[in-house]
N, C-alpha and C. Protein backbone atom coordinates (compact mmCIF):
# COMPACT_ATOMS: atom_id res chain seq x y z
N MET A 1 0.93 -1.23 0.05
CA MET A 1 0.13 -0.21 0.09
C MET A 1 0.97 1.18 0.07
N ALA A 2 0.56 2.26 -0.97
CA ALA A 2 1.22 3.46 -1.19
C ALA A 2 0.61 4.39 0.19
N ALA A 3 1.66 5.35 0.97
CA ALA A 3 1.64 6.15 1.85
C ALA A 3 1.25 6.89 1.79
N ALA A 4 0.33 7.23 3.12
CA ALA A 4 -0.88 8.28 2.64
C ALA A 4 -0.22 9.69 2.03
N ASP A 5 -1.00 10.21 1.15
CA ASP A 5 -0.71 11.48 0.35
C ASP A 5 -1.15 12.38 1.30
N LEU A 6 0.34 13.58 1.86
CA LEU A 6 0.04 14.44 2.53
C LEU A 6 -1.05 15.52 2.13
N SER A 7 -1.11 15.83 0.44
CA SER A 7 -1.58 17.03 -0.18
C SER A 7 -3.03 16.65 0.02
N ILE A 8 -3.92 15.62 0.54
CA ILE A 8 -5.19 15.33 0.86
C ILE A 8 -5.83 16.84 1.61
N GLU A 9 -6.59 17.19 1.10
CA GLU A 9 -7.46 18.22 1.41
C GLU A 9 -9.16 17.31 1.79
N ILE A 10 -9.41 17.52 2.97
CA ILE A 10 -10.95 17.37 3.24
C ILE A 10 -11.81 18.87 3.32
N ARG A 11 -12.89 18.85 2.62
CA ARG A 11 -13.91 20.33 3.03
C ARG A 11 -15.31 19.62 2.39
N VAL A 12 -16.23 20.46 3.06
CA VAL A 12 -17.50 20.37 2.40
C VAL A 12 -17.92 20.72 1.12
N ALA A 13 -18.63 19.57 0.46
CA ALA A 13 -18.83 20.19 -0.66
C ALA A 13 -19.79 21.20 -0.96
N ARG A 14 -19.26 21.82 -2.38
CA ARG A 14 -19.88 22.69 -2.88
C ARG A 14 -20.95 22.68 -4.20
N ALA A 15 -21.54 23.46 -4.56
CA ALA A 15 -22.02 23.55 -5.76
C ALA A 15 -21.69 23.50 -6.96
N ALA A 16 -20.81 24.03 -6.68
CA ALA A 16 -19.93 23.88 -8.26
C ALA A 16 -18.67 22.81 -8.20
N ASP A 17 -19.28 21.49 -7.43
CA ASP A 17 -18.28 20.51 -7.30
C ASP A 17 -19.39 19.46 -8.27
N GLU A 18 -20.59 19.87 -8.16
CA GLU A 18 -21.45 18.90 -8.85
C GLU A 18 -21.01 17.95 -9.86
N ALA A 19 -20.47 18.66 -11.13
CA ALA A 19 -20.11 17.94 -12.39
C ALA A 19 -18.56 16.95 -12.11
N GLN A 20 -17.84 17.59 -10.90
CA GLN A 20 -16.97 16.62 -10.82
C GLN A 20 -17.34 15.27 -9.89
N LEU A 21 -18.00 15.65 -9.41
CA LEU A 21 -18.99 14.25 -8.62
C LEU A 21 -19.92 13.65 -9.44
N ALA A 22 -20.60 14.32 -10.26
CA ALA A 22 -20.87 13.07 -11.40
C ALA A 22 -20.04 12.28 -11.94
N ARG A 23 -18.82 13.03 -12.74
CA ARG A 23 -18.06 11.85 -13.38
C ARG A 23 -17.76 11.34 -12.40
N LEU A 24 -16.62 11.43 -10.99
CA LEU A 24 -16.16 10.95 -9.85
C LEU A 24 -17.50 9.06 -10.23
N ASP A 25 -18.67 9.66 -9.95
CA ASP A 25 -19.37 8.72 -9.58
C ASP A 25 -19.49 7.71 -10.98
N ARG A 26 -19.61 7.78 -12.43
CA ARG A 26 -19.51 7.26 -13.49
C ARG A 26 -18.52 6.37 -13.88
N VAL A 27 -17.08 7.05 -12.83
CA VAL A 27 -15.66 6.01 -13.10
C VAL A 27 -15.48 5.26 -11.41
N SER A 28 -16.47 5.50 -10.86
CA SER A 28 -16.01 4.61 -10.05
C SER A 28 -16.42 3.22 -9.13
N TRP A 29 -17.60 3.44 -9.70
CA TRP A 29 -19.18 2.68 -9.62
C TRP A 29 -18.70 0.99 -10.08
N THR A 30 -18.83 -0.27 -9.76
CA THR A 30 -18.32 -1.27 -10.52
C THR A 30 -19.45 -2.15 -9.76
N PRO A 31 -19.84 -2.98 -10.33
CA PRO A 31 -20.96 -4.35 -9.93
C PRO A 31 -20.78 -4.71 -8.64
N GLN A 32 -19.28 -5.43 -8.40
CA GLN A 32 -19.42 -5.30 -6.98
C GLN A 32 -19.06 -4.30 -6.04
N SER A 33 -19.18 -3.12 -6.51
CA SER A 33 -19.31 -1.63 -5.28
C SER A 33 -20.37 -1.02 -4.97
N GLY A 34 -21.05 -1.52 -6.37
CA GLY A 34 -22.03 -0.64 -6.22
C GLY A 34 -24.34 -1.02 -7.09
N PHE A 35 -24.19 -0.04 -8.13
CA PHE A 35 -25.69 -1.09 -8.43
C PHE A 35 -25.48 -0.43 -9.55
N PRO A 36 -26.06 -1.66 -10.67
CA PRO A 36 -25.69 -1.25 -11.89
C PRO A 36 -26.60 -0.30 -12.57
N SER A 37 -27.74 -0.44 -11.76
CA SER A 37 -29.10 0.50 -12.43
C SER A 37 -29.06 1.78 -11.72
N VAL A 38 -28.46 2.01 -11.13
CA VAL A 38 -28.17 3.24 -10.61
C VAL A 38 -27.16 4.07 -11.34
N THR A 39 -25.93 3.49 -12.01
CA THR A 39 -24.54 4.26 -12.38
C THR A 39 -25.59 4.03 -13.75
N ARG A 40 -26.15 3.23 -14.47
CA ARG A 40 -26.44 3.11 -16.01
C ARG A 40 -27.74 4.77 -15.82
N GLN A 41 -28.46 5.01 -14.65
CA GLN A 41 -29.37 6.24 -14.73
C GLN A 41 -28.41 7.88 -14.38
N ALA A 42 -26.92 7.77 -14.02
CA ALA A 42 -26.54 8.63 -13.67
C ALA A 42 -26.62 9.70 -14.95
N GLY A 43 -27.11 10.92 -14.87
CA GLY A 43 -26.53 11.63 -15.46
C GLY A 43 -25.81 12.60 -15.08
N GLY A 44 -26.01 13.60 -15.35
CA GLY A 44 -25.13 15.03 -15.28
C GLY A 44 -25.38 15.91 -13.22
N LEU A 45 -26.54 15.10 -12.99
CA LEU A 45 -26.76 15.63 -11.54
C LEU A 45 -26.38 14.99 -10.45
N PHE A 46 -25.50 15.31 -9.49
CA PHE A 46 -25.04 14.67 -8.53
C PHE A 46 -26.02 15.08 -7.10
N PHE A 47 -26.42 16.01 -6.74
CA PHE A 47 -26.97 16.94 -5.43
C PHE A 47 -28.62 16.40 -5.93
N THR A 48 -28.86 15.97 -4.60
CA THR A 48 -30.61 16.57 -4.92
C THR A 48 -31.28 17.38 -3.71
N ALA A 49 -32.40 16.98 -3.63
CA ALA A 49 -33.09 18.01 -2.74
C ALA A 49 -32.72 17.29 -1.28
N GLY A 50 -33.08 15.71 -0.91
CA GLY A 50 -32.45 14.94 -0.03
C GLY A 50 -30.84 14.59 0.19
N SER A 51 -30.14 14.72 -0.55
CA SER A 51 -28.67 14.69 -0.40
C SER A 51 -27.86 16.01 -1.27
N PRO A 52 -28.37 17.07 -0.20
CA PRO A 52 -27.77 18.59 -0.69
C PRO A 52 -25.93 18.12 -0.05
N PRO A 53 -25.28 19.62 -1.18
CA PRO A 53 -24.05 19.93 -0.84
C PRO A 53 -23.60 19.67 0.78
N GLN A 54 -24.33 19.91 1.48
CA GLN A 54 -23.62 19.75 2.89
C GLN A 54 -23.74 18.52 3.70
N ALA A 55 -24.25 17.59 2.91
CA ALA A 55 -24.06 16.17 3.11
C ALA A 55 -23.23 15.60 2.82
N HIS A 56 -22.34 16.16 2.43
CA HIS A 56 -21.11 15.58 1.51
C HIS A 56 -19.79 16.18 1.67
N LEU A 57 -18.95 15.66 1.90
CA LEU A 57 -17.49 15.91 2.29
C LEU A 57 -16.53 15.04 1.15
N VAL A 58 -16.08 15.89 0.78
CA VAL A 58 -15.27 15.79 -0.64
C VAL A 58 -13.27 16.11 -0.32
N GLY A 59 -12.93 14.67 -1.20
CA GLY A 59 -11.58 14.77 -0.96
C GLY A 59 -10.94 15.38 -2.02
N THR A 60 -9.88 16.13 -1.90
CA THR A 60 -9.24 16.89 -3.20
C THR A 60 -7.67 16.86 -3.15
N ILE A 61 -7.22 16.44 -4.01
CA ILE A 61 -5.65 16.95 -4.15
C ILE A 61 -5.16 17.49 -5.25
N ASP A 62 -4.34 18.59 -4.62
CA ASP A 62 -4.07 19.68 -5.74
C ASP A 62 -5.26 20.39 -6.55
N GLY A 63 -6.31 20.53 -5.12
CA GLY A 63 -7.46 21.49 -5.48
C GLY A 63 -8.34 20.25 -6.65
N ALA A 64 -8.10 19.15 -7.40
CA ALA A 64 -9.10 18.55 -7.67
C ALA A 64 -10.07 17.24 -6.75
N VAL A 65 -11.37 17.67 -7.02
CA VAL A 65 -12.39 16.79 -6.56
C VAL A 65 -11.66 14.94 -6.67
N VAL A 66 -11.47 13.54 -5.86
CA VAL A 66 -11.06 13.01 -5.81
C VAL A 66 -11.60 11.78 -5.14
N GLY A 67 -12.36 12.70 -4.57
CA GLY A 67 -13.36 11.53 -3.51
C GLY A 67 -14.33 12.15 -3.11
N TYR A 68 -15.12 11.77 -2.29
CA TYR A 68 -16.62 12.19 -1.40
C TYR A 68 -16.89 10.96 -0.61
N ILE A 69 -17.68 11.50 0.54
CA ILE A 69 -18.70 10.64 1.06
C ILE A 69 -19.79 11.17 1.38
N ARG A 70 -20.78 10.50 1.60
CA ARG A 70 -22.31 10.89 1.97
C ARG A 70 -22.98 10.63 3.16
N LEU A 71 -23.23 11.49 3.95
CA LEU A 71 -23.38 11.06 5.27
C LEU A 71 -24.97 11.72 5.52
N ALA A 72 -25.51 10.90 5.97
CA ALA A 72 -27.12 11.65 6.41
C ALA A 72 -27.83 10.59 8.08
N VAL A 73 -28.47 10.89 8.45
CA VAL A 73 -29.32 10.17 9.34
C VAL A 73 -30.05 8.84 8.75
N PRO A 74 -29.98 8.22 9.80
CA PRO A 74 -30.41 6.75 9.16
C PRO A 74 -32.07 6.92 8.25
N SER A 75 -32.56 7.87 9.67
CA SER A 75 -34.29 7.84 9.78
C SER A 75 -34.62 9.04 10.68
N PRO A 76 -35.92 9.44 10.28
CA PRO A 76 -36.66 11.12 10.98
C PRO A 76 -36.77 10.80 12.03
N LEU A 77 -36.70 9.14 12.41
CA LEU A 77 -36.85 8.97 14.12
C LEU A 77 -35.93 9.88 14.93
N PRO A 78 -36.80 10.61 15.98
CA PRO A 78 -35.84 10.81 17.29
C PRO A 78 -34.74 9.97 18.00
N GLU A 79 -35.92 8.83 17.99
CA GLU A 79 -34.89 7.36 18.96
C GLU A 79 -33.49 7.02 18.35
N GLU A 80 -33.69 7.81 16.78
CA GLU A 80 -31.85 7.35 16.63
C GLU A 80 -31.62 8.26 15.70
N ALA A 81 -31.62 9.54 16.61
CA ALA A 81 -30.71 10.41 16.18
C ALA A 81 -29.25 10.38 16.73
N HIS A 82 -28.74 9.18 17.38
CA HIS A 82 -27.22 9.18 17.62
C HIS A 82 -26.59 8.68 17.06
N VAL A 83 -27.10 8.19 15.68
CA VAL A 83 -26.37 7.44 14.70
C VAL A 83 -26.48 8.17 13.41
N LEU A 84 -25.37 8.85 12.79
CA LEU A 84 -24.73 9.02 11.40
C LEU A 84 -24.68 8.57 10.63
N ALA A 85 -25.01 7.74 9.57
CA ALA A 85 -24.86 7.23 8.32
C ALA A 85 -23.86 7.49 7.21
N VAL A 86 -22.98 6.43 6.80
CA VAL A 86 -22.34 6.62 5.45
C VAL A 86 -23.44 6.01 4.61
N HIS A 87 -23.84 7.20 3.67
CA HIS A 87 -24.73 7.08 2.49
C HIS A 87 -23.61 6.66 1.21
N GLY A 88 -22.96 6.60 1.31
CA GLY A 88 -22.11 6.62 0.33
C GLY A 88 -20.09 6.89 0.45
N LEU A 89 -19.33 6.42 -0.55
CA LEU A 89 -17.90 6.64 -0.68
C LEU A 89 -17.60 6.04 -1.54
N ALA A 90 -16.79 7.63 -2.66
CA ALA A 90 -16.47 7.11 -3.60
C ALA A 90 -14.92 7.49 -3.84
N VAL A 91 -13.94 6.91 -4.41
CA VAL A 91 -12.41 7.71 -4.72
C VAL A 91 -12.41 7.07 -6.20
N ALA A 92 -11.87 8.34 -6.97
CA ALA A 92 -11.36 7.99 -8.08
C ALA A 92 -10.27 6.91 -8.74
N PRO A 93 -10.28 6.34 -9.34
CA PRO A 93 -10.19 5.21 -9.59
C PRO A 93 -8.11 5.53 -9.73
N GLU A 94 -7.97 6.21 -9.89
CA GLU A 94 -6.23 6.78 -10.43
C GLU A 94 -5.86 7.75 -8.97
N SER A 95 -6.53 7.56 -7.94
CA SER A 95 -6.36 8.31 -7.04
C SER A 95 -6.40 7.23 -6.00
N ARG A 96 -7.17 6.07 -5.90
CA ARG A 96 -6.98 5.22 -4.60
C ARG A 96 -5.70 4.53 -4.47
N ARG A 97 -5.47 3.97 -2.95
CA ARG A 97 -4.38 3.83 -2.09
C ARG A 97 -3.64 5.07 -1.67
N ARG A 98 -4.05 5.77 -1.77
CA ARG A 98 -3.49 7.66 -1.47
C ARG A 98 -4.01 7.58 -0.25
N GLY A 99 -4.66 7.24 0.79
CA GLY A 99 -5.29 7.67 1.78
C GLY A 99 -6.44 8.65 1.84
N VAL A 100 -7.10 8.42 0.56
CA VAL A 100 -8.36 9.43 0.37
C VAL A 100 -9.84 8.76 0.98
N ALA A 101 -9.77 7.57 1.36
CA ALA A 101 -10.89 6.81 1.70
C ALA A 101 -10.65 7.04 3.11
N THR A 102 -9.58 6.95 3.59
CA THR A 102 -9.69 7.12 5.14
C THR A 102 -9.29 8.14 5.55
N ALA A 103 -9.05 9.18 4.83
CA ALA A 103 -9.43 10.48 5.21
C ALA A 103 -10.85 11.32 5.66
N LEU A 104 -11.05 10.71 4.23
CA LEU A 104 -12.95 10.95 4.21
C LEU A 104 -13.41 10.27 5.59
N LEU A 105 -13.49 8.92 5.85
CA LEU A 105 -14.02 8.16 6.92
C LEU A 105 -13.62 9.10 8.26
N GLY A 106 -12.44 9.48 8.12
CA GLY A 106 -11.90 10.22 9.57
C GLY A 106 -12.47 11.54 9.59
N ALA A 107 -12.38 12.37 8.39
CA ALA A 107 -13.71 13.10 8.44
C ALA A 107 -14.49 12.95 8.90
N ALA A 108 -15.57 12.28 8.55
CA ALA A 108 -17.09 11.51 8.88
C ALA A 108 -16.91 11.12 10.49
N GLU A 109 -16.31 10.91 10.85
CA GLU A 109 -15.89 10.42 12.54
C GLU A 109 -16.10 11.45 13.09
N ARG A 110 -15.13 12.64 13.07
CA ARG A 110 -15.23 13.80 13.41
C ARG A 110 -16.76 14.57 13.54
N ARG A 111 -17.71 14.73 11.99
CA ARG A 111 -18.46 15.34 12.12
C ARG A 111 -19.27 14.50 12.73
N ALA A 112 -19.53 13.50 12.96
CA ALA A 112 -20.71 12.33 13.75
C ALA A 112 -20.49 12.76 15.50
N ARG A 113 -19.27 12.86 15.46
CA ARG A 113 -19.23 13.30 17.01
C ARG A 113 -18.85 14.21 17.17
N ASP A 114 -18.77 15.52 16.60
CA ASP A 114 -19.21 17.06 16.73
C ASP A 114 -20.94 17.04 16.75
N ARG A 115 -21.28 16.13 16.19
CA ARG A 115 -23.12 16.33 16.34
C ARG A 115 -23.41 15.38 17.35
N GLY A 116 -22.36 14.77 18.20
CA GLY A 116 -22.81 14.12 19.31
C GLY A 116 -23.62 12.39 18.95
N ALA A 117 -23.17 12.14 17.60
CA ALA A 117 -23.73 10.62 17.62
C ALA A 117 -22.67 9.54 18.00
N ARG A 118 -23.03 8.81 18.71
CA ARG A 118 -22.58 7.81 19.28
C ARG A 118 -21.89 6.89 18.05
N LYS A 119 -22.40 6.32 17.15
CA LYS A 119 -22.21 5.43 16.46
C LYS A 119 -22.44 5.66 14.11
N LEU A 120 -21.25 5.31 14.01
CA LEU A 120 -21.23 5.88 12.59
C LEU A 120 -21.33 4.26 11.82
N SER A 121 -22.38 4.37 11.01
CA SER A 121 -23.06 2.98 10.53
C SER A 121 -23.07 3.02 8.66
N LEU A 122 -22.91 2.22 8.52
CA LEU A 122 -22.76 1.72 6.62
C LEU A 122 -23.20 0.12 6.24
N ARG A 123 -23.34 0.30 4.98
CA ARG A 123 -23.92 -0.82 4.43
C ARG A 123 -22.53 -0.92 3.21
N VAL A 124 -22.53 -2.20 2.95
CA VAL A 124 -21.46 -2.53 2.25
C VAL A 124 -22.17 -3.63 1.37
N LEU A 125 -21.16 -3.64 -0.29
CA LEU A 125 -21.70 -5.18 -0.84
C LEU A 125 -20.91 -5.81 -0.66
N SER A 126 -20.61 -7.45 -0.08
CA SER A 126 -20.04 -8.89 0.47
C SER A 126 -19.25 -8.80 -1.20
N THR A 127 -19.11 -8.48 -1.94
CA THR A 127 -18.62 -8.82 -3.67
C THR A 127 -17.58 -7.59 -2.93
N ASN A 128 -17.44 -6.64 -2.03
CA ASN A 128 -16.30 -5.50 -2.61
C ASN A 128 -15.56 -6.07 -1.33
N PRO A 129 -14.71 -6.87 -1.31
CA PRO A 129 -13.80 -7.04 -0.51
C PRO A 129 -12.36 -6.05 -0.02
N THR A 130 -12.50 -5.20 -0.77
CA THR A 130 -11.77 -3.87 -0.60
C THR A 130 -11.63 -3.06 0.05
N ALA A 131 -13.22 -2.57 -0.10
CA ALA A 131 -13.79 -1.81 1.16
C ALA A 131 -14.05 -2.36 2.49
N ILE A 132 -14.76 -3.48 2.73
CA ILE A 132 -14.55 -4.28 3.39
C ILE A 132 -13.07 -4.54 4.76
N ARG A 133 -12.56 -4.64 4.04
CA ARG A 133 -10.70 -4.60 4.91
C ARG A 133 -11.00 -3.13 5.44
N LEU A 134 -10.46 -2.03 4.34
CA LEU A 134 -10.79 -0.94 4.68
C LEU A 134 -11.51 -0.55 6.05
N TYR A 135 -12.86 -0.84 6.41
CA TYR A 135 -13.56 -0.64 6.67
C TYR A 135 -13.58 -1.00 8.24
N THR A 136 -13.10 -2.70 8.18
CA THR A 136 -12.24 -3.64 9.59
C THR A 136 -11.48 -2.56 10.07
N HIS A 137 -10.00 -2.38 9.06
CA HIS A 137 -8.93 -1.55 9.55
C HIS A 137 -9.25 -0.49 10.40
N LEU A 138 -10.48 0.43 9.70
CA LEU A 138 -10.18 1.26 10.54
C LEU A 138 -11.66 1.02 11.62
N GLY A 139 -11.68 0.13 12.25
CA GLY A 139 -12.53 -0.27 13.31
C GLY A 139 -13.85 -0.20 13.13
N PHE A 140 -14.29 -0.50 12.13
CA PHE A 140 -16.02 -0.63 11.90
C PHE A 140 -16.05 -2.37 12.53
N LEU A 141 -17.41 -3.21 12.71
CA LEU A 141 -17.35 -4.45 12.98
C LEU A 141 -19.25 -4.70 12.31
N GLN A 142 -18.67 -5.89 11.77
CA GLN A 142 -20.34 -6.36 11.07
C GLN A 142 -21.12 -6.48 12.56
N GLU A 143 -22.13 -5.90 12.47
CA GLU A 143 -23.64 -6.21 12.86
C GLU A 143 -24.38 -6.70 12.32
N GLY A 144 -24.50 -7.00 11.12
CA GLY A 144 -25.25 -7.69 10.66
C GLY A 144 -25.49 -7.97 9.09
N ARG A 145 -25.84 -9.41 7.95
CA ARG A 145 -25.91 -9.79 6.98
C ARG A 145 -26.87 -10.06 6.89
N LEU A 146 -27.35 -8.89 5.33
CA LEU A 146 -28.60 -9.44 5.02
C LEU A 146 -28.22 -10.43 3.44
N VAL A 147 -28.43 -11.64 3.98
CA VAL A 147 -28.53 -12.75 2.55
C VAL A 147 -29.17 -12.44 1.40
N GLY A 148 -28.47 -12.20 -0.20
CA GLY A 148 -29.18 -12.53 -0.75
C GLY A 148 -29.89 -10.88 -0.93
N GLU A 149 -29.81 -10.10 -0.12
CA GLU A 149 -30.54 -9.00 -0.87
C GLU A 149 -31.02 -7.98 -1.66
N PHE A 150 -29.42 -8.20 -2.29
CA PHE A 150 -29.76 -7.82 -4.01
C PHE A 150 -28.73 -8.89 -5.11
N PHE A 151 -29.57 -8.70 -6.52
CA PHE A 151 -29.64 -9.56 -7.36
C PHE A 151 -28.78 -8.71 -8.66
N ILE A 152 -27.39 -9.04 -8.56
CA ILE A 152 -27.00 -7.62 -9.58
C ILE A 152 -26.10 -8.97 -10.71
N ASN A 153 -26.31 -8.49 -11.25
CA ASN A 153 -25.00 -9.50 -12.71
C ASN A 153 -25.76 -10.73 -12.79
N GLY A 154 -26.83 -11.04 -12.24
CA GLY A 154 -27.67 -12.39 -12.36
C GLY A 154 -26.87 -12.90 -10.83
N HIS A 155 -26.07 -12.63 -9.78
CA HIS A 155 -26.27 -13.42 -8.56
C HIS A 155 -26.83 -13.09 -7.83
N TYR A 156 -27.28 -13.39 -6.98
CA TYR A 156 -27.62 -12.78 -5.24
C TYR A 156 -26.43 -11.95 -4.59
N VAL A 157 -26.11 -11.11 -3.77
CA VAL A 157 -25.23 -10.50 -3.34
C VAL A 157 -25.92 -9.87 -2.20
N ASP A 158 -25.15 -10.25 -0.85
CA ASP A 158 -25.24 -9.93 0.85
C ASP A 158 -24.82 -8.92 0.89
N ASP A 159 -25.63 -8.15 1.79
CA ASP A 159 -25.98 -6.58 2.00
C ASP A 159 -25.22 -6.69 3.42
N LEU A 160 -23.83 -6.15 3.47
CA LEU A 160 -23.47 -6.34 5.19
C LEU A 160 -23.66 -4.90 6.32
N MET A 161 -23.69 -5.13 7.16
CA MET A 161 -24.31 -3.97 8.07
C MET A 161 -23.03 -3.40 8.67
N LEU A 162 -22.24 -2.65 8.96
CA LEU A 162 -20.96 -2.36 9.66
C LEU A 162 -21.19 -0.96 10.36
N ALA A 163 -20.80 -1.09 11.50
CA ALA A 163 -20.90 0.15 12.10
C ALA A 163 -19.47 0.48 13.30
N LYS A 164 -19.59 1.80 13.62
CA LYS A 164 -18.11 1.88 14.67
C LYS A 164 -19.04 2.61 15.65
N HIS A 165 -18.85 2.45 16.84
CA HIS A 165 -18.84 3.04 18.13
C HIS A 165 -18.65 4.20 18.29
N LEU A 166 -18.49 4.77 18.77
CA LEU A 166 -17.87 6.02 18.93
C LEU A 166 -17.77 6.07 20.48
N THR A 167 -18.27 5.93 21.42
CA THR A 167 -18.76 5.82 22.78
C THR A 167 -18.42 4.72 23.21
N ASN A 168 -17.75 4.17 24.58
CA ASN A 168 -17.66 3.45 24.97
C ASN A 168 -19.30 3.01 26.12
N GLY A 169 -20.27 3.90 25.92
CA GLY A 169 -21.74 3.82 26.51
C GLY A 169 -22.22 2.50 26.09
N ASP A 170 -23.51 1.95 27.10
CA ASP A 170 -24.20 1.46 26.85
C ASP A 170 -25.42 1.49 25.90
N TYR A 171 -25.67 0.29 24.86
CA TYR A 171 -26.83 0.28 23.69
C TYR A 171 -27.75 -0.73 24.43
């Protein structure tokens, strides 16, 4: 693995990042890491009313957007307000193994802690071993497995539910 790139900067996304983020989505996702139905319909739009720029942190190298993480509350229920969820993480293929995803996840954890969250959760396809290794290396634990949850390219794929507990409190 290459050493972390010290020129990585993390910031909140801006509306002006939309074209770069839409391109990043088109080149980053594969059937092993995402959903072909979503990538096929991806047009020039990236942000939506439910997923505005401020819901995203972007990773840049030398000013170019090379990755993003999308964060959201898992549900509108106040009983789940202590959880922040990762609803997408992508890094441009040419920028992988440079520490971008690690930096984005670190920034997401800081944001979660700043908001008083006790848990950072995410879901990942079982066919994405690279992402699973990264998440577990950073302290995420598997909390659930939805067997055969998705049918992708002729195969049933499990959906793994992972989380990182940010406090030592009782659950």
